[in-house]
């Protein structure tokens, strides 16, 4: 079984910004998740919320977020 590769697509200082990007990606049919969300809520200065996507979807995801 092949293990999927994930990449950090973007980092945000607020969880709300990360949620918006995740929603845009999921609306387009891409899998997306937020990592480090609890640390970003506890410490917005030092803990960035990271939007993660599958490596194979990275280019398409970047284009979607650039259109935002």
PDB file of N, CA and C in Angstrom:
ATOM      1  N   UNK A   1       0.836  -1.175   0.000  1.00  0.00           N
ATOM      2  CA  UNK A   1       0.000   0.000   0.000  1.00  0.00           C
ATOM      3  C   UNK A   1       0.888   1.249   0.000  1.00  0.00           C
ATOM      4  N   UNK A   2       0.601   2.171  -0.907  1.00  0.00           N
ATOM      5  CA  UNK A   2       1.404   3.376  -1.037  1.00  0.00           C
ATOM      6  C   UNK A   2       0.914   4.436  -0.050  1.00  0.00           C
ATOM      7  N   UNK A   3       1.866   5.051   0.654  1.00  0.00           N
ATOM      8  CA  UNK A   3       1.527   6.085   1.617  1.00  0.00           C
ATOM      9  C   UNK A   3       1.434   7.435   0.902  1.00  0.00           C
ATOM     10  N   UNK A   4       0.380   8.194   1.203  1.00  0.00           N
ATOM     11  CA  UNK A   4       0.192   9.487   0.562  1.00  0.00           C
ATOM     12  C   UNK A   4       1.185  10.509   1.106  1.00  0.00           C
ATOM     13  N   UNK A   5       1.582  11.410   0.232  1.00  0.00           N
ATOM     14  CA  UNK A   5       2.480  12.495   0.606  1.00  0.00           C
ATOM     15  C   UNK A   5       1.657  13.764   0.772  1.00  0.00           C
ATOM     16  N   UNK A   6       1.933  14.526   1.813  1.00  0.00           N
ATOM     17  CA  UNK A   6       1.226  15.770   2.070  1.00  0.00           C
ATOM     18  C   UNK A   6       2.218  16.924   2.106  1.00  0.00           C
ATOM     19  N   UNK A   7       1.753  18.094   1.696  1.00  0.00           N
ATOM     20  CA  UNK A   7       2.602  19.289   1.710  1.00  0.00           C
ATOM     21  C   UNK A   7       1.857  20.424   2.403  1.00  0.00           C
ATOM     22  N   UNK A   8       2.636  21.303   3.024  1.00  0.00           N
ATOM     23  CA  UNK A   8       2.060  22.509   3.615  1.00  0.00           C
ATOM     24  C   UNK A   8       1.863  23.504   2.486  1.00  0.00           C
ATOM     25  N   UNK A   9       0.628  23.882   2.264  1.00  0.00           N
ATOM     26  CA  UNK A   9       0.293  24.789   1.181  1.00  0.00           C
ATOM     27  C   UNK A   9       0.429  26.241   1.618  1.00  0.00           C
ATOM     28  N   UNK A  10      -0.016  26.538   2.843  1.00  0.00           N
ATOM     29  CA  UNK A  10       0.015  27.913   3.335  1.00  0.00           C
ATOM     30  C   UNK A  10      -0.010  27.915   4.853  1.00  0.00           C
ATOM     31  N   UNK A  11       0.495  29.010   5.425  1.00  0.00           N
ATOM     32  CA  UNK A  11       0.452  29.208   6.874  1.00  0.00           C
ATOM     33  C   UNK A  11      -0.284  30.505   7.162  1.00  0.00           C
ATOM     34  N   UNK A  12      -1.122  30.472   8.195  1.00  0.00           N
ATOM     35  CA  UNK A  12      -1.928  31.633   8.555  1.00  0.00           C
ATOM     36  C   UNK A  12      -1.789  31.926  10.044  1.00  0.00           C
ATOM     37  N   UNK A  13      -1.877  33.185  10.391  1.00  0.00           N
ATOM     38  CA  UNK A  13      -1.771  33.577  11.791  1.00  0.00           C
ATOM     39  C   UNK A  13      -3.080  33.411  12.547  1.00  0.00           C
ATOM     40  N   UNK A  14      -4.191  33.289  11.814  1.00  0.00           N
ATOM     41  CA  UNK A  14      -5.472  33.062  12.483  1.00  0.00           C
ATOM     42  C   UNK A  14      -6.120  31.803  11.927  1.00  0.00           C
ATOM     43  N   UNK A  15      -6.839  31.145  12.790  1.00  0.00           N
ATOM     44  CA  UNK A  15      -7.540  29.929  12.389  1.00  0.00           C
ATOM     45  C   UNK A  15      -8.632  30.250  11.374  1.00  0.00           C
ATOM     46  N   UNK A  16      -9.251  31.407  11.497  1.00  0.00           N
ATOM     47  CA  UNK A  16     -10.318  31.794  10.557  1.00  0.00           C
ATOM     48  C   UNK A  16      -9.797  31.866   9.127  1.00  0.00           C
ATOM     49  N   UNK A  17      -8.612  32.436   8.924  1.00  0.00           N
ATOM     50  CA  UNK A  17      -8.029  32.518   7.579  1.00  0.00           C
ATOM     51  C   UNK A  17      -7.760  31.122   7.026  1.00  0.00           C
ATOM     52  N   UNK A  18      -7.245  30.248   7.861  1.00  0.00           N
ATOM     53  CA  UNK A  18      -6.960  28.878   7.437  1.00  0.00           C
ATOM     54  C   UNK A  18      -8.251  28.147   7.069  1.00  0.00           C
ATOM     55  N   UNK A  19      -9.300  28.365   7.850  1.00  0.00           N
ATOM     56  CA  UNK A  19     -10.593  27.723   7.579  1.00  0.00           C
ATOM     57  C   UNK A  19     -11.168  28.178   6.234  1.00  0.00           C
ATOM     58  N   UNK A  20     -11.000  29.452   5.901  1.00  0.00           N
ATOM     59  CA  UNK A  20     -11.485  29.965   4.617  1.00  0.00           C
ATOM     60  C   UNK A  20     -10.768  29.264   3.468  1.00  0.00           C
ATOM     61  N   UNK A  21      -9.448  29.166   3.554  1.00  0.00           N
ATOM     62  CA  UNK A  21      -8.683  28.490   2.499  1.00  0.00           C
ATOM     63  C   UNK A  21      -9.054  27.022   2.399  1.00  0.00           C
ATOM     64  N   UNK A  22      -9.204  26.373   3.527  1.00  0.00           N
ATOM     65  CA  UNK A  22      -9.600  24.958   3.529  1.00  0.00           C
ATOM     66  C   UNK A  22     -10.955  24.792   2.852  1.00  0.00           C
ATOM     67  N   UNK A  23     -11.872  25.681   3.145  1.00  0.00           N
ATOM     68  CA  UNK A  23     -13.210  25.617   2.555  1.00  0.00           C
ATOM     69  C   UNK A  23     -13.169  25.800   1.039  1.00  0.00           C
ATOM     70  N   UNK A  24     -12.360  26.736   0.570  1.00  0.00           N
ATOM     71  CA  UNK A  24     -12.210  26.971  -0.872  1.00  0.00           C
ATOM     72  C   UNK A  24     -11.696  25.698  -1.554  1.00  0.00           C
ATOM     73  N   UNK A  25     -10.693  25.087  -0.967  1.00  0.00           N
ATOM     74  CA  UNK A  25     -10.101  23.878  -1.546  1.00  0.00           C
ATOM     75  C   UNK A  25     -11.086  22.713  -1.540  1.00  0.00           C
ATOM     76  N   UNK A  26     -11.780  22.537  -0.439  1.00  0.00           N
ATOM     77  CA  UNK A  26     -12.744  21.445  -0.362  1.00  0.00           C
ATOM     78  C   UNK A  26     -13.914  21.657  -1.309  1.00  0.00           C
ATOM     79  N   UNK A  27     -14.313  22.904  -1.505  1.00  0.00           N
ATOM     80  CA  UNK A  27     -15.399  23.200  -2.450  1.00  0.00           C
ATOM     81  C   UNK A  27     -15.023  22.814  -3.873  1.00  0.00           C
ATOM     82  N   UNK A  28     -13.728  22.833  -4.161  1.00  0.00           N
ATOM     83  CA  UNK A  28     -13.243  22.452  -5.485  1.00  0.00           C
ATOM     84  C   UNK A  28     -13.000  20.946  -5.589  1.00  0.00           C
ATOM     85  N   UNK A  29     -13.290  20.218  -4.512  1.00  0.00           N
ATOM     86  CA  UNK A  29     -13.141  18.772  -4.545  1.00  0.00           C
ATOM     87  C   UNK A  29     -11.785  18.259  -4.097  1.00  0.00           C
ATOM     88  N   UNK A  30     -10.955  19.125  -3.545  1.00  0.00           N
ATOM     89  CA  UNK A  30      -9.633  18.708  -3.077  1.00  0.00           C
ATOM     90  C   UNK A  30      -9.686  18.379  -1.590  1.00  0.00           C
ATOM     91  N   UNK A  31      -8.866  17.427  -1.183  1.00  0.00           N
ATOM     92  CA  UNK A  31      -8.739  17.126   0.232  1.00  0.00           C
ATOM     93  C   UNK A  31      -7.825  18.184   0.841  1.00  0.00           C
ATOM     94  N   UNK A  32      -8.221  18.743   1.965  1.00  0.00           N
ATOM     95  CA  UNK A  32      -7.403  19.718   2.676  1.00  0.00           C
ATOM     96  C   UNK A  32      -7.644  19.564   4.169  1.00  0.00           C
ATOM     97  N   UNK A  33      -6.616  19.875   4.939  1.00  0.00           N
ATOM     98  CA  UNK A  33      -6.726  19.783   6.391  1.00  0.00           C
ATOM     99  C   UNK A  33      -5.932  20.932   6.997  1.00  0.00           C
ATOM    100  N   UNK A  34      -6.211  21.211   8.258  1.00  0.00           N
ATOM    101  CA  UNK A  34      -5.470  22.248   8.976  1.00  0.00           C
ATOM    102  C   UNK A  34      -4.666  21.565  10.070  1.00  0.00           C
ATOM    103  N   UNK A  35      -3.383  21.849  10.082  1.00  0.00           N
ATOM    104  CA  UNK A  35      -2.489  21.311  11.108  1.00  0.00           C
ATOM    105  C   UNK A  35      -2.071  22.461  12.020  1.00  0.00           C
ATOM    106  N   UNK A  36      -1.809  22.143  13.242  1.00  0.00           N
ATOM    107  CA  UNK A  36      -1.346  23.117  14.225  1.00  0.00           C
ATOM    108  C   UNK A  36      -2.449  24.110  14.595  1.00  0.00           C
ATOM    109  N   UNK A  37      -3.702  23.728  14.390  1.00  0.00           N
ATOM    110  CA  UNK A  37      -4.800  24.663  14.632  1.00  0.00           C
ATOM    111  C   UNK A  37      -4.948  25.023  16.099  1.00  0.00           C
ATOM    112  N   UNK A  38      -4.681  24.089  16.996  1.00  0.00           N
ATOM    113  CA  UNK A  38      -4.844  24.391  18.419  1.00  0.00           C
ATOM    114  C   UNK A  38      -3.745  25.324  18.913  1.00  0.00           C
ATOM    115  N   UNK A  39      -2.536  25.135  18.420  1.00  0.00           N
ATOM    116  CA  UNK A  39      -1.452  26.033  18.820  1.00  0.00           C
ATOM    117  C   UNK A  39      -1.674  27.435  18.285  1.00  0.00           C
ATOM    118  N   UNK A  40      -2.235  27.551  17.084  1.00  0.00           N
ATOM    119  CA  UNK A  40      -2.485  28.875  16.524  1.00  0.00           C
ATOM    120  C   UNK A  40      -3.572  29.591  17.325  1.00  0.00           C
ATOM    121  N   UNK A  41      -4.516  28.844  17.877  1.00  0.00           N
ATOM    122  CA  UNK A  41      -5.563  29.453  18.697  1.00  0.00           C
ATOM    123  C   UNK A  41      -5.015  29.884  20.049  1.00  0.00           C
ATOM    124  N   UNK A  42      -4.092  29.100  20.591  1.00  0.00           N
ATOM    125  CA  UNK A  42      -3.513  29.431  21.896  1.00  0.00           C
ATOM    126  C   UNK A  42      -2.453  30.521  21.817  1.00  0.00           C
ATOM    127  N   UNK A  43      -1.688  30.509  20.736  1.00  0.00           N
ATOM    128  CA  UNK A  43      -0.579  31.446  20.592  1.00  0.00           C
ATOM    129  C   UNK A  43      -0.526  31.957  19.159  1.00  0.00           C
ATOM    130  N   UNK A  44      -1.362  32.933  18.806  1.00  0.00           N
ATOM    131  CA  UNK A  44      -1.429  33.394  17.426  1.00  0.00           C
ATOM    132  C   UNK A  44      -0.119  33.984  16.897  1.00  0.00           C
ATOM    133  N   UNK A  45       0.750  34.412  17.778  1.00  0.00           N
ATOM    134  CA  UNK A  45       2.010  35.012  17.321  1.00  0.00           C
ATOM    135  C   UNK A  45       3.002  33.936  16.896  1.00  0.00           C
ATOM    136  N   UNK A  46       3.088  32.858  17.660  1.00  0.00           N
ATOM    137  CA  UNK A  46       4.109  31.856  17.377  1.00  0.00           C
ATOM    138  C   UNK A  46       3.610  30.572  16.757  1.00  0.00           C
ATOM    139  N   UNK A  47       2.310  30.367  16.699  1.00  0.00           N
ATOM    140  CA  UNK A  47       1.808  29.101  16.185  1.00  0.00           C
ATOM    141  C   UNK A  47       0.932  29.296  14.969  1.00  0.00           C
ATOM    142  N   UNK A  48       1.503  29.126  13.809  1.00  0.00           N
ATOM    143  CA  UNK A  48       0.749  29.312  12.566  1.00  0.00           C
ATOM    144  C   UNK A  48      -0.120  28.099  12.276  1.00  0.00           C
ATOM    145  N   UNK A  49      -1.343  28.354  11.804  1.00  0.00           N
ATOM    146  CA  UNK A  49      -2.225  27.284  11.337  1.00  0.00           C
ATOM    147  C   UNK A  49      -1.804  26.945   9.909  1.00  0.00           C
ATOM    148  N   UNK A  50      -1.524  25.682   9.648  1.00  0.00           N
ATOM    149  CA  UNK A  50      -1.010  25.254   8.352  1.00  0.00           C
ATOM    150  C   UNK A  50      -2.075  24.502   7.568  1.00  0.00           C
ATOM    151  N   UNK A  51      -2.321  24.952   6.348  1.00  0.00           N
ATOM    152  CA  UNK A  51      -3.240  24.245   5.454  1.00  0.00           C
ATOM    153  C   UNK A  51      -2.411  23.223   4.683  1.00  0.00           C
ATOM    154  N   UNK A  52      -2.840  21.979   4.762  1.00  0.00           N
ATOM    155  CA  UNK A  52      -2.107  20.862   4.162  1.00  0.00           C
ATOM    156  C   UNK A  52      -2.972  20.227   3.080  1.00  0.00           C
ATOM    157  N   UNK A  53      -2.332  19.873   1.952  1.00  0.00           N
ATOM    158  CA  UNK A  53      -3.015  19.193   0.854  1.00  0.00           C
ATOM    159  C   UNK A  53      -2.164  18.005   0.408  1.00  0.00           C
ATOM    160  N   UNK A  54      -2.749  17.151  -0.408  1.00  0.00           N
ATOM    161  CA  UNK A  54      -1.967  16.048  -0.996  1.00  0.00           C
ATOM    162  C   UNK A  54      -0.948  16.641  -1.963  1.00  0.00           C
ATOM    163  N   UNK A  55       0.211  16.047  -2.009  1.00  0.00           N
ATOM    164  CA  UNK A  55       1.281  16.544  -2.871  1.00  0.00           C
ATOM    165  C   UNK A  55       0.836  16.617  -4.328  1.00  0.00           C
ATOM    166  N   UNK A  56       0.048  15.655  -4.775  1.00  0.00           N
ATOM    167  CA  UNK A  56      -0.390  15.645  -6.174  1.00  0.00           C
ATOM    168  C   UNK A  56      -1.378  16.773  -6.492  1.00  0.00           C
ATOM    169  N   UNK A  57      -1.983  17.364  -5.469  1.00  0.00           N
ATOM    170  CA  UNK A  57      -2.945  18.447  -5.668  1.00  0.00           C
ATOM    171  C   UNK A  57      -2.340  19.841  -5.446  1.00  0.00           C
ATOM    172  N   UNK A  58      -1.065  19.905  -5.138  1.00  0.00           N
ATOM    173  CA  UNK A  58      -0.438  21.169  -4.744  1.00  0.00           C
ATOM    174  C   UNK A  58      -0.596  22.270  -5.790  1.00  0.00           C
ATOM    175  N   UNK A  59      -0.292  21.992  -7.038  1.00  0.00           N
ATOM    176  CA  UNK A  59      -0.367  23.036  -8.069  1.00  0.00           C
ATOM    177  C   UNK A  59      -1.784  23.559  -8.252  1.00  0.00           C
ATOM    178  N   UNK A  60      -2.743  22.664  -8.307  1.00  0.00           N
ATOM    179  CA  UNK A  60      -4.130  23.083  -8.464  1.00  0.00           C
ATOM    180  C   UNK A  60      -4.592  23.893  -7.249  1.00  0.00           C
ATOM    181  N   UNK A  61      -4.199  23.455  -6.066  1.00  0.00           N
ATOM    182  CA  UNK A  61      -4.578  24.157  -4.832  1.00  0.00           C
ATOM    183  C   UNK A  61      -3.972  25.557  -4.786  1.00  0.00           C
ATOM    184  N   UNK A  62      -2.717  25.686  -5.205  1.00  0.00           N
ATOM    185  CA  UNK A  62      -2.076  27.004  -5.227  1.00  0.00           C
ATOM    186  C   UNK A  62      -2.809  27.953  -6.167  1.00  0.00           C
ATOM    187  N   UNK A  63      -3.220  27.462  -7.327  1.00  0.00           N
ATOM    188  CA  UNK A  63      -3.958  28.288  -8.279  1.00  0.00           C
ATOM    189  C   UNK A  63      -5.293  28.747  -7.698  1.00  0.00           C
ATOM    190  N   UNK A  64      -5.976  27.837  -7.022  1.00  0.00           N
ATOM    191  CA  UNK A  64      -7.260  28.188  -6.409  1.00  0.00           C
ATOM    192  C   UNK A  64      -7.113  29.287  -5.373  1.00  0.00           C
ATOM    193  N   UNK A  65      -6.086  29.192  -4.551  1.00  0.00           N
ATOM    194  CA  UNK A  65      -5.895  30.194  -3.504  1.00  0.00           C
ATOM    195  C   UNK A  65      -5.388  31.528  -4.071  1.00  0.00           C
ATOM    196  N   UNK A  66      -4.699  31.497  -5.177  1.00  0.00           N
ATOM    197  CA  UNK A  66      -4.243  32.738  -5.809  1.00  0.00           C
ATOM    198  C   UNK A  66      -5.421  33.525  -6.370  1.00  0.00           C
ATOM    199  N   UNK A  67      -6.482  32.836  -6.770  1.00  0.00           N
ATOM    200  CA  UNK A  67      -7.665  33.483  -7.311  1.00  0.00           C
ATOM    201  C   UNK A  67      -8.507  34.118  -6.225  1.00  0.00           C
ATOM    202  N   UNK A  68      -8.252  33.799  -5.004  1.00  0.00           N
ATOM    203  CA  UNK A  68      -9.020  34.276  -3.852  1.00  0.00           C
ATOM    204  C   UNK A  68      -8.930  35.763  -3.663  1.00  0.00           C
TER     205      UNK A  68
END
